[in-house]
Amino acid sequence: MTKPRLPLLAATAALALLCSPRAPAVEAFPALASTPSESSQLAKLMLRQSLLSPSGKLTLSPEIIIPEPTDPTAMLLQTTEIQKLSETLRTKAKSNVAFIAGSLGSLRTMCAEQEDARGSFPGPVPVVYCSSNSGGGGKGSAEWTEERLTEAADAGACGVLLTLNGGSELDDAAEGKDAAGDGAFVELFKLALSKGLQPIPEAVIPEATAGEWGEGEVQALVDALTEGCGEEPVGVVLSVIAEEDDDEGEGKEDDKDEETPADEDADEGEEEESEEEAPASALLPTVAKPLSKSIPILGSVRAPAGGGRIGTGVSSLRGCGFTGAILRCECVPGYRLNPDLEEVGSFWSAAISDLKSTRSKSFGFRAKVANKGLSKDVPGEWMKYQKSVMESGALGSPEEGPGGDFDSDGGDYQGF
């Protein structure tokens, strides 16, 4: 018996490594990603495929905050819950990417479960690690350090979400261009690449000026990021933050008793006019179609569940040319109160499945005969016919029971 040739042994070893369930990206693809730089390019390919739909459909990716338990027993139980959540996101919700905020241990558990699915269908969902202050929390990228980026890469994350301008809002497009070329941000961007991660820049834009970001302003921001960081980012997130007027709201509540009915009618009229003048799409940046075909431009949806609000936000992003939506944790009811991860998984499974469904959400049917000279409501006429037959006694009476020749022992039965 002859020994197998070396190429056959190498191919067998490569296949085994490709199917290795829990190996990090660099170790799982030694022939494709032997260095952090190659691992970063592989992560870029995976994220581009997940965030940019070939058919042009909007991609949907949930953001999940995993709380850190303090009790040892709770820590053991949470590992199982994270594994179930990860599987739900992949098999039931069919999310495009998972944006995870939490401890590195939670991230490691999530990535390991996704690696278990390599070689199966559906395949692993790419995981992006988020700062706990991302999306307008006021700190953004401040907590990222070289050690934390190294640990995130070792845990198996494909990318990290880095917020421009330290997480603070960008007043206008000019400030966005300056933030894209900021030395601290560029250094952090390149540091993430050197660790084998794909950095995803996020620009936080106030709702008041979001409509001023046209196609040219968005293109200029992407060009500034590409020029400053040395390469085109794998994607860009534009998060519009709604203004909260807590003080004014309290003042209006205090003065509510003093308003007359005429004042209330006038206020209602002004509100209706303002709603007509400022549609939802006017409060979002506009993305050019050629740009959306070359790089994923993602928006953020923060609307709480109920009343079709999440669907409306997703539709608004689609209408403005965005390629995907990050469904933020604010969409989940009670997300701040240490949420049950099983409930969170069930919520996203139902929500994303419904948003991706092509079935009509308000289907109704009522047939009418449209032949010339015969325009009748068919369901109504059929109901009248049934009523007339029953009233005529042709079907008998329920009180009469079966006829005398009814033989239950012989196999006769009443009804279906």
Protein backbone atom coordinates (compact mmCIF):
# COMPACT_ATOMS: atom_id res chain seq x y z
CA MET A 1 0.00 0.00 0.00
CA THR A 2 1.48 3.34 -1.06
CA LYS A 3 1.46 6.43 1.11
CA PRO A 4 -0.80 9.29 0.01
CA ARG A 5 0.91 12.09 -1.83
CA LEU A 6 1.66 15.39 -0.09
CA PRO A 7 -0.90 17.49 -2.01
CA LEU A 8 -3.67 15.14 -0.88
CA LEU A 9 -2.58 15.42 2.74
CA ALA A 10 -2.42 19.22 2.46
CA ALA A 11 -5.90 19.37 0.96
CA THR A 12 -7.27 17.16 3.72
CA ALA A 13 -5.67 19.32 6.39
CA ALA A 14 -7.00 22.52 4.81
CA LEU A 15 -10.51 21.05 4.68
CA ALA A 16 -10.32 20.07 8.33
CA LEU A 17 -9.20 23.57 9.30
CA LEU A 18 -11.97 25.17 7.26
CA CYS A 19 -14.52 23.09 9.13
CA SER A 20 -12.93 23.71 12.52
CA PRO A 21 -15.82 25.03 14.65
CA ARG A 22 -14.18 27.12 17.35
CA ALA A 23 -10.97 28.39 15.78
CA PRO A 24 -10.55 32.17 15.37
CA ALA A 25 -10.58 33.60 11.86
CA VAL A 26 -6.80 33.68 11.47
CA GLU A 27 -6.41 30.07 12.63
CA ALA A 28 -9.43 28.75 10.72
CA PHE A 29 -8.10 29.96 7.34
CA PRO A 30 -4.30 29.52 7.47
CA ALA A 31 -4.01 29.50 3.68
CA LEU A 32 -6.18 32.60 3.28
CA ALA A 33 -5.41 34.61 6.42
CA SER A 34 -1.99 33.85 7.81
CA THR A 35 -1.50 37.43 9.00
CA PRO A 36 -3.75 40.01 10.69
CA SER A 37 -3.74 42.01 7.45
CA GLU A 38 -5.08 39.07 5.48
CA SER A 39 -7.58 38.35 8.25
CA SER A 40 -8.81 41.94 7.98
CA GLN A 41 -9.34 41.58 4.24
CA LEU A 42 -11.24 38.34 4.78
CA ALA A 43 -13.44 40.07 7.35
CA LYS A 44 -14.04 42.88 4.85
CA LEU A 45 -15.23 40.38 2.26
CA MET A 46 -17.59 38.72 4.74
CA LEU A 47 -19.06 42.02 5.94
CA ARG A 48 -19.48 43.39 2.41
CA GLN A 49 -21.38 40.27 1.39
CA SER A 50 -23.62 40.51 4.44
CA LEU A 51 -24.28 44.27 4.40
CA LEU A 52 -24.72 44.75 0.65
CA SER A 53 -27.58 42.77 -0.86
CA PRO A 54 -27.10 41.82 -4.55
CA SER A 55 -30.85 42.20 -5.12
CA GLY A 56 -30.90 45.70 -3.66
CA LYS A 57 -32.99 44.76 -0.62
CA LEU A 58 -32.37 46.56 2.64
CA THR A 59 -30.21 44.50 5.02
CA LEU A 60 -31.35 44.28 8.65
CA SER A 61 -28.90 43.90 11.53
CA PRO A 62 -29.91 44.07 15.21
CA GLU A 63 -27.90 45.72 17.96
CA ILE A 64 -27.93 43.72 21.19
CA ILE A 65 -26.64 44.78 24.59
CA ILE A 66 -25.72 41.75 26.68
CA PRO A 67 -25.73 42.63 30.40
CA GLU A 68 -22.85 41.49 32.57
CA PRO A 69 -24.05 39.20 35.40
CA THR A 70 -22.37 39.40 38.78
CA ASP A 71 -23.61 36.14 40.30
CA PRO A 72 -21.46 33.05 39.39
CA THR A 73 -24.56 30.93 38.76
CA ALA A 74 -26.02 33.60 36.51
CA MET A 75 -22.76 33.70 34.56
CA LEU A 76 -22.97 29.97 33.84
CA LEU A 77 -26.61 30.23 32.81
CA GLN A 78 -25.95 33.24 30.60
CA THR A 79 -23.49 31.27 28.48
CA THR A 80 -26.30 28.95 27.43
CA GLU A 81 -28.63 31.90 26.84
CA ILE A 82 -26.09 33.63 24.59
CA GLN A 83 -25.62 30.44 22.57
CA LYS A 84 -29.39 30.14 22.08
CA LEU A 85 -29.63 33.83 21.16
CA SER A 86 -26.83 33.44 18.63
CA GLU A 87 -28.52 30.46 17.03
CA THR A 88 -31.85 32.32 16.89
CA LEU A 89 -30.28 35.29 15.11
CA ARG A 90 -28.84 32.96 12.49
CA THR A 91 -31.59 30.39 11.90
CA LYS A 92 -34.85 32.18 12.72
CA ALA A 93 -34.26 35.93 12.47
CA LYS A 94 -31.78 35.48 9.58
CA SER A 95 -30.10 38.76 10.48
CA ASN A 96 -27.38 40.00 8.16
CA VAL A 97 -24.90 41.09 10.85
CA ALA A 98 -25.02 41.03 14.66
CA PHE A 99 -23.87 44.21 16.44
CA ILE A 100 -22.97 43.16 19.99
CA ALA A 101 -22.23 45.35 23.00
CA GLY A 102 -21.18 43.75 26.28
CA SER A 103 -18.30 41.97 27.92
CA LEU A 104 -15.55 40.27 25.93
CA GLY A 105 -16.67 36.95 27.42
CA SER A 106 -20.13 37.42 25.93
CA LEU A 107 -18.57 38.35 22.59
CA ARG A 108 -16.38 35.24 22.68
CA THR A 109 -19.38 32.99 23.37
CA MET A 110 -21.38 34.56 20.54
CA CYS A 111 -18.54 34.24 18.01
CA ALA A 112 -17.80 30.65 19.03
CA GLU A 113 -21.42 29.63 18.46
CA GLN A 114 -21.41 31.26 15.04
CA GLU A 115 -18.23 29.41 14.14
CA ASP A 116 -20.02 26.16 14.99
CA ALA A 117 -22.25 26.81 11.98
CA ARG A 118 -19.38 27.08 9.49
CA GLY A 119 -20.07 24.67 6.66
CA SER A 120 -23.79 24.55 7.48
CA PHE A 121 -26.80 26.43 6.12
CA PRO A 122 -27.46 29.12 7.07
CA GLY A 123 -23.83 29.97 7.66
CA PRO A 124 -22.27 32.09 10.40
CA VAL A 125 -23.51 35.65 10.96
CA PRO A 126 -20.60 38.16 11.09
CA VAL A 127 -20.29 39.78 14.53
CA VAL A 128 -19.35 43.44 15.01
CA TYR A 129 -18.28 44.56 18.48
CA CYS A 130 -19.76 47.87 19.63
CA SER A 131 -18.82 50.32 22.31
CA SER A 132 -21.40 50.58 25.07
CA ASN A 133 -21.60 54.30 24.20
CA SER A 134 -21.97 53.96 20.43
CA GLY A 135 -24.64 55.75 18.50
CA GLY A 136 -24.65 59.09 20.26
CA GLY A 137 -23.84 58.17 23.80
CA GLY A 138 -21.34 61.00 24.14
CA LYS A 139 -18.13 58.95 24.39
CA GLY A 140 -18.12 56.77 21.30
CA SER A 141 -14.60 55.57 20.55
CA ALA A 142 -13.06 56.90 23.77
CA GLU A 143 -12.97 53.51 25.48
CA TRP A 144 -11.20 51.68 22.63
CA THR A 145 -7.64 50.72 23.48
CA GLU A 146 -5.07 48.53 21.76
CA GLU A 147 -5.56 45.82 24.36
CA ARG A 148 -9.35 45.84 23.91
CA LEU A 149 -9.07 45.67 20.13
CA THR A 150 -6.64 42.76 20.42
CA GLU A 151 -9.03 40.89 22.71
CA ALA A 152 -11.96 41.57 20.39
CA ALA A 153 -10.01 40.13 17.46
CA ASP A 154 -8.99 37.08 19.50
CA ALA A 155 -12.64 36.55 20.49
CA GLY A 156 -13.56 36.20 16.81
CA ALA A 157 -15.21 39.52 15.93
CA CYS A 158 -15.13 40.61 12.28
CA GLY A 159 -15.22 44.33 12.98
CA VAL A 160 -15.71 47.16 15.45
CA LEU A 161 -17.99 50.20 15.35
CA LEU A 162 -15.96 53.41 15.72
CA THR A 163 -17.85 56.68 16.24
CA LEU A 164 -16.59 59.87 14.66
CA ASN A 165 -16.02 63.03 16.70
CA GLY A 166 -15.75 61.07 19.95
CA GLY A 167 -19.44 60.16 19.77
CA SER A 168 -20.60 63.78 19.76
CA GLU A 169 -23.07 65.01 17.16
CA LEU A 170 -21.81 66.51 13.91
CA ASP A 171 -23.35 69.94 13.36
CA ASP A 172 -22.87 69.85 9.59
CA ALA A 173 -21.16 68.02 6.74
CA ALA A 174 -18.04 70.19 7.00
CA GLU A 175 -17.52 69.08 10.58
CA GLY A 176 -18.01 65.49 9.42
CA LYS A 177 -15.16 65.85 6.90
CA ASP A 178 -12.90 67.28 9.59
CA ALA A 179 -13.77 64.42 11.98
CA ALA A 180 -13.02 61.85 9.26
CA GLY A 181 -9.48 63.16 8.98
CA ASP A 182 -8.92 63.62 12.72
CA GLY A 183 -5.56 62.21 13.78
CA ALA A 184 -6.88 60.26 16.78
CA PHE A 185 -9.64 58.62 14.74
CA VAL A 186 -7.33 57.73 11.86
CA GLU A 187 -4.84 56.19 14.29
CA LEU A 188 -7.60 54.10 15.90
CA PHE A 189 -8.88 53.06 12.46
CA LYS A 190 -5.45 51.81 11.38
CA LEU A 191 -4.88 50.14 14.75
CA ALA A 192 -8.07 48.09 14.31
CA LEU A 193 -6.94 47.04 10.83
CA SER A 194 -3.57 45.93 12.22
CA LYS A 195 -5.40 43.62 14.66
CA GLY A 196 -7.32 41.90 11.86
CA LEU A 197 -10.59 43.82 12.42
CA GLN A 198 -12.64 45.90 10.03
CA PRO A 199 -13.49 49.32 11.53
CA ILE A 200 -16.95 50.70 10.63
CA PRO A 201 -17.15 54.50 11.07
CA GLU A 202 -20.36 55.91 12.54
CA ALA A 203 -21.41 59.55 12.14
CA VAL A 204 -23.94 60.86 14.68
CA ILE A 205 -26.14 63.54 13.08
CA PRO A 206 -28.76 65.66 14.86
CA GLU A 207 -32.25 65.41 13.41
CA ALA A 208 -32.43 69.18 12.91
CA THR A 209 -29.66 69.16 10.27
CA ALA A 210 -30.00 65.61 8.89
CA GLY A 211 -32.01 66.81 5.90
CA GLU A 212 -29.09 69.05 4.86
CA TRP A 213 -26.94 65.98 4.19
CA GLY A 214 -27.56 65.45 0.49
CA GLU A 215 -25.94 63.01 -1.89
CA GLY A 216 -22.89 65.23 -2.28
CA GLU A 217 -22.33 65.61 1.46
CA VAL A 218 -22.55 61.84 2.06
CA GLN A 219 -20.17 61.17 -0.84
CA ALA A 220 -17.75 63.78 0.53
CA LEU A 221 -17.76 62.08 3.94
CA VAL A 222 -16.92 58.69 2.40
CA ASP A 223 -14.16 60.28 0.29
CA ALA A 224 -12.72 62.01 3.38
CA LEU A 225 -12.70 58.72 5.30
CA THR A 226 -11.01 56.93 2.41
CA GLU A 227 -8.37 59.63 2.02
CA GLY A 228 -7.67 60.05 5.73
CA CYS A 229 -7.61 56.35 6.67
CA GLY A 230 -5.76 55.16 3.59
CA GLU A 231 -8.46 52.78 2.33
CA GLU A 232 -12.20 52.69 1.76
CA PRO A 233 -14.12 51.60 4.86
CA VAL A 234 -16.14 48.39 4.73
CA GLY A 235 -19.25 50.48 5.44
CA VAL A 236 -20.45 53.74 6.97
CA VAL A 237 -23.22 54.25 9.53
CA LEU A 238 -25.24 57.49 9.58
CA SER A 239 -27.18 57.68 12.85
CA VAL A 240 -29.79 60.42 13.14
CA ILE A 241 -30.53 61.39 16.73
CA ALA A 242 -33.93 62.87 17.53
CA GLU A 243 -33.96 65.97 19.69
CA GLU A 244 -35.46 65.62 23.17
CA ASP A 245 -36.98 68.76 24.67
CA ASP A 246 -37.59 67.59 28.22
CA ASP A 247 -37.68 71.09 29.73
CA GLU A 248 -40.03 72.41 27.11
CA GLY A 249 -42.25 69.35 27.48
CA GLU A 250 -42.54 69.94 31.22
CA GLY A 251 -43.37 73.61 30.64
CA LYS A 252 -46.10 72.68 28.20
CA GLU A 253 -47.61 70.28 30.71
CA ASP A 254 -47.62 72.99 33.38
CA ASP A 255 -49.33 75.47 31.07
CA LYS A 256 -51.80 72.95 29.73
CA ASP A 257 -54.53 73.89 32.21
CA GLU A 258 -54.34 77.53 31.21
CA GLU A 259 -54.98 76.88 27.52
CA THR A 260 -58.42 77.54 26.12
CA PRO A 261 -60.20 75.23 23.68
CA ALA A 262 -59.43 77.72 20.91
CA ASP A 263 -55.72 77.57 21.76
CA GLU A 264 -55.79 73.77 21.71
CA ASP A 265 -57.43 73.76 18.27
CA ALA A 266 -54.80 76.19 17.01
CA ASP A 267 -51.99 74.01 18.42
CA GLU A 268 -53.45 70.93 16.76
CA GLY A 269 -53.59 72.77 13.46
CA GLU A 270 -49.96 73.84 13.78
CA GLU A 271 -48.91 70.27 14.58
CA GLU A 272 -50.71 68.94 11.52
CA GLU A 273 -49.08 71.57 9.32
CA SER A 274 -45.61 70.80 10.71
CA GLU A 275 -46.12 67.09 10.11
CA GLU A 276 -47.13 67.76 6.52
CA GLU A 277 -44.20 70.09 5.96
CA ALA A 278 -41.59 67.72 7.45
CA PRO A 279 -42.10 64.12 6.29
CA ALA A 280 -39.92 61.37 7.75
CA SER A 281 -37.74 61.15 4.63
CA ALA A 282 -36.88 64.87 4.93
CA LEU A 283 -35.21 64.20 8.29
CA LEU A 284 -32.68 61.75 6.82
CA PRO A 285 -29.54 62.10 4.69
CA THR A 286 -29.82 61.15 1.03
CA VAL A 287 -27.53 58.51 -0.49
CA ALA A 288 -26.70 58.44 -4.18
CA LYS A 289 -27.46 55.19 -5.97
CA PRO A 290 -23.91 54.70 -7.40
CA LEU A 291 -22.46 55.10 -3.91
CA SER A 292 -24.91 52.63 -2.33
CA LYS A 293 -23.94 50.04 -4.92
CA SER A 294 -20.23 50.28 -4.10
CA ILE A 295 -20.23 50.59 -0.29
CA PRO A 296 -22.84 49.78 2.39
CA ILE A 297 -24.40 52.94 3.85
CA LEU A 298 -26.34 52.00 6.98
CA GLY A 299 -28.88 53.96 8.96
CA SER A 300 -30.11 53.54 12.53
CA VAL A 301 -33.68 52.76 13.57
CA ARG A 302 -34.48 53.53 17.22
CA ALA A 303 -38.27 53.57 17.15
CA PRO A 304 -39.88 51.50 19.93
CA ALA A 305 -41.85 48.49 18.79
CA GLY A 306 -45.56 48.90 18.13
CA GLY A 307 -47.80 50.77 15.73
CA GLY A 308 -45.63 49.93 12.73
CA ARG A 309 -42.98 52.40 13.87
CA ILE A 310 -39.98 50.14 13.14
CA GLY A 311 -41.35 49.34 9.68
CA THR A 312 -41.87 53.03 8.98
CA GLY A 313 -38.28 53.79 9.95
CA VAL A 314 -36.96 51.00 7.75
CA SER A 315 -39.07 52.18 4.80
CA SER A 316 -37.79 55.75 5.24
CA LEU A 317 -34.18 54.54 5.06
CA ARG A 318 -34.96 52.55 1.95
CA GLY A 319 -36.54 55.57 0.32
CA CYS A 320 -33.45 57.71 0.99
CA GLY A 321 -31.09 55.23 -0.69
CA PHE A 322 -29.62 53.48 2.37
CA THR A 323 -28.47 49.91 1.82
CA GLY A 324 -29.11 48.63 5.34
CA ALA A 325 -30.50 49.38 8.77
CA ILE A 326 -29.08 48.78 12.22
CA LEU A 327 -32.06 48.03 14.44
CA ARG A 328 -30.91 49.60 17.68
CA CYS A 329 -31.51 48.21 21.13
CA GLU A 330 -34.10 50.94 21.83
CA CYS A 331 -36.52 49.00 19.59
CA VAL A 332 -36.78 46.22 22.18
CA PRO A 333 -39.38 46.92 24.90
CA GLY A 334 -37.72 47.29 28.30
CA TYR A 335 -34.19 46.82 27.00
CA ARG A 336 -32.73 48.90 29.86
CA LEU A 337 -34.14 46.65 32.58
CA ASN A 338 -31.64 43.80 32.25
CA PRO A 339 -33.58 42.04 29.46
CA ASP A 340 -34.11 38.31 29.22
CA LEU A 341 -31.93 37.17 26.30
CA GLU A 342 -34.45 34.51 25.31
CA GLU A 343 -37.14 37.19 25.01
CA VAL A 344 -34.74 39.41 23.07
CA GLY A 345 -34.06 36.58 20.61
CA SER A 346 -37.77 35.89 20.16
CA PHE A 347 -38.43 39.60 19.60
CA TRP A 348 -35.80 39.97 16.88
CA SER A 349 -36.86 36.71 15.26
CA ALA A 350 -40.43 37.97 14.91
CA ALA A 351 -39.50 41.56 14.03
CA ILE A 352 -36.88 40.85 11.35
CA SER A 353 -38.93 38.05 9.81
CA ASP A 354 -41.90 40.41 9.54
CA LEU A 355 -39.79 43.25 8.10
CA LYS A 356 -38.27 40.94 5.49
CA SER A 357 -41.59 39.35 4.59
CA THR A 358 -43.03 40.28 1.19
CA ARG A 359 -46.58 39.43 2.23
CA SER A 360 -49.06 42.26 2.44
CA LYS A 361 -49.52 43.56 5.99
CA SER A 362 -53.10 44.76 5.34
CA PHE A 363 -54.65 42.24 3.00
CA GLY A 364 -58.36 42.39 2.40
CA PHE A 365 -60.62 40.83 -0.23
CA ARG A 366 -64.13 41.56 -1.27
CA ALA A 367 -65.25 40.32 -4.67
CA LYS A 368 -67.84 42.00 -6.86
CA VAL A 369 -69.27 40.77 -10.13
CA ALA A 370 -68.33 43.39 -12.70
CA ASN A 371 -70.23 42.02 -15.69
CA LYS A 372 -72.36 44.49 -17.57
CA GLY A 373 -75.80 44.80 -16.02
CA LEU A 374 -74.84 42.69 -13.00
CA SER A 375 -73.01 44.63 -10.31
CA LYS A 376 -73.73 42.76 -7.09
CA ASP A 377 -71.81 42.23 -3.89
CA VAL A 378 -71.13 38.48 -4.09
CA PRO A 379 -70.49 37.85 -0.36
CA GLY A 380 -73.58 39.81 0.59
CA GLU A 381 -75.81 38.00 -1.92
CA TRP A 382 -74.50 34.62 -0.78
CA MET A 383 -75.29 35.46 2.84
CA LYS A 384 -78.83 36.46 1.90
CA TYR A 385 -79.27 33.20 -0.02
CA GLN A 386 -78.09 31.11 2.94
CA LYS A 387 -80.42 32.96 5.29
CA SER A 388 -83.42 32.43 3.01
CA VAL A 389 -82.72 28.68 2.73
CA MET A 390 -82.42 28.26 6.50
CA GLU A 391 -85.60 30.23 7.15
CA SER A 392 -87.50 28.14 4.62
CA GLY A 393 -86.99 24.99 6.68
CA ALA A 394 -85.46 23.06 3.79
CA LEU A 395 -82.52 22.07 5.96
CA GLY A 396 -84.68 20.95 8.85
CA SER A 397 -84.51 22.20 12.40
CA PRO A 398 -81.76 21.51 14.93
CA GLU A 399 -84.39 20.58 17.50
CA GLU A 400 -85.76 17.80 15.31
CA GLY A 401 -82.57 15.71 15.44
CA PRO A 402 -81.77 12.97 12.93
CA GLY A 403 -84.47 11.11 11.07
CA GLY A 404 -85.92 7.80 12.12
CA ASP A 405 -83.70 5.82 9.79
CA PHE A 406 -80.54 7.19 11.46
CA ASP A 407 -78.47 4.20 12.62
CA SER A 408 -75.38 5.23 14.60
CA ASP A 409 -74.49 1.59 15.31
CA GLY A 410 -74.51 0.91 11.61
CA GLY A 411 -71.99 3.65 10.89
CA ASP A 412 -74.22 6.66 10.25
CA TYR A 413 -72.92 10.03 11.52
CA GLN A 414 -74.16 13.61 11.56
CA GLY A 415 -71.88 16.44 10.42
CA PHE A 416 -68.40 16.17 8.96
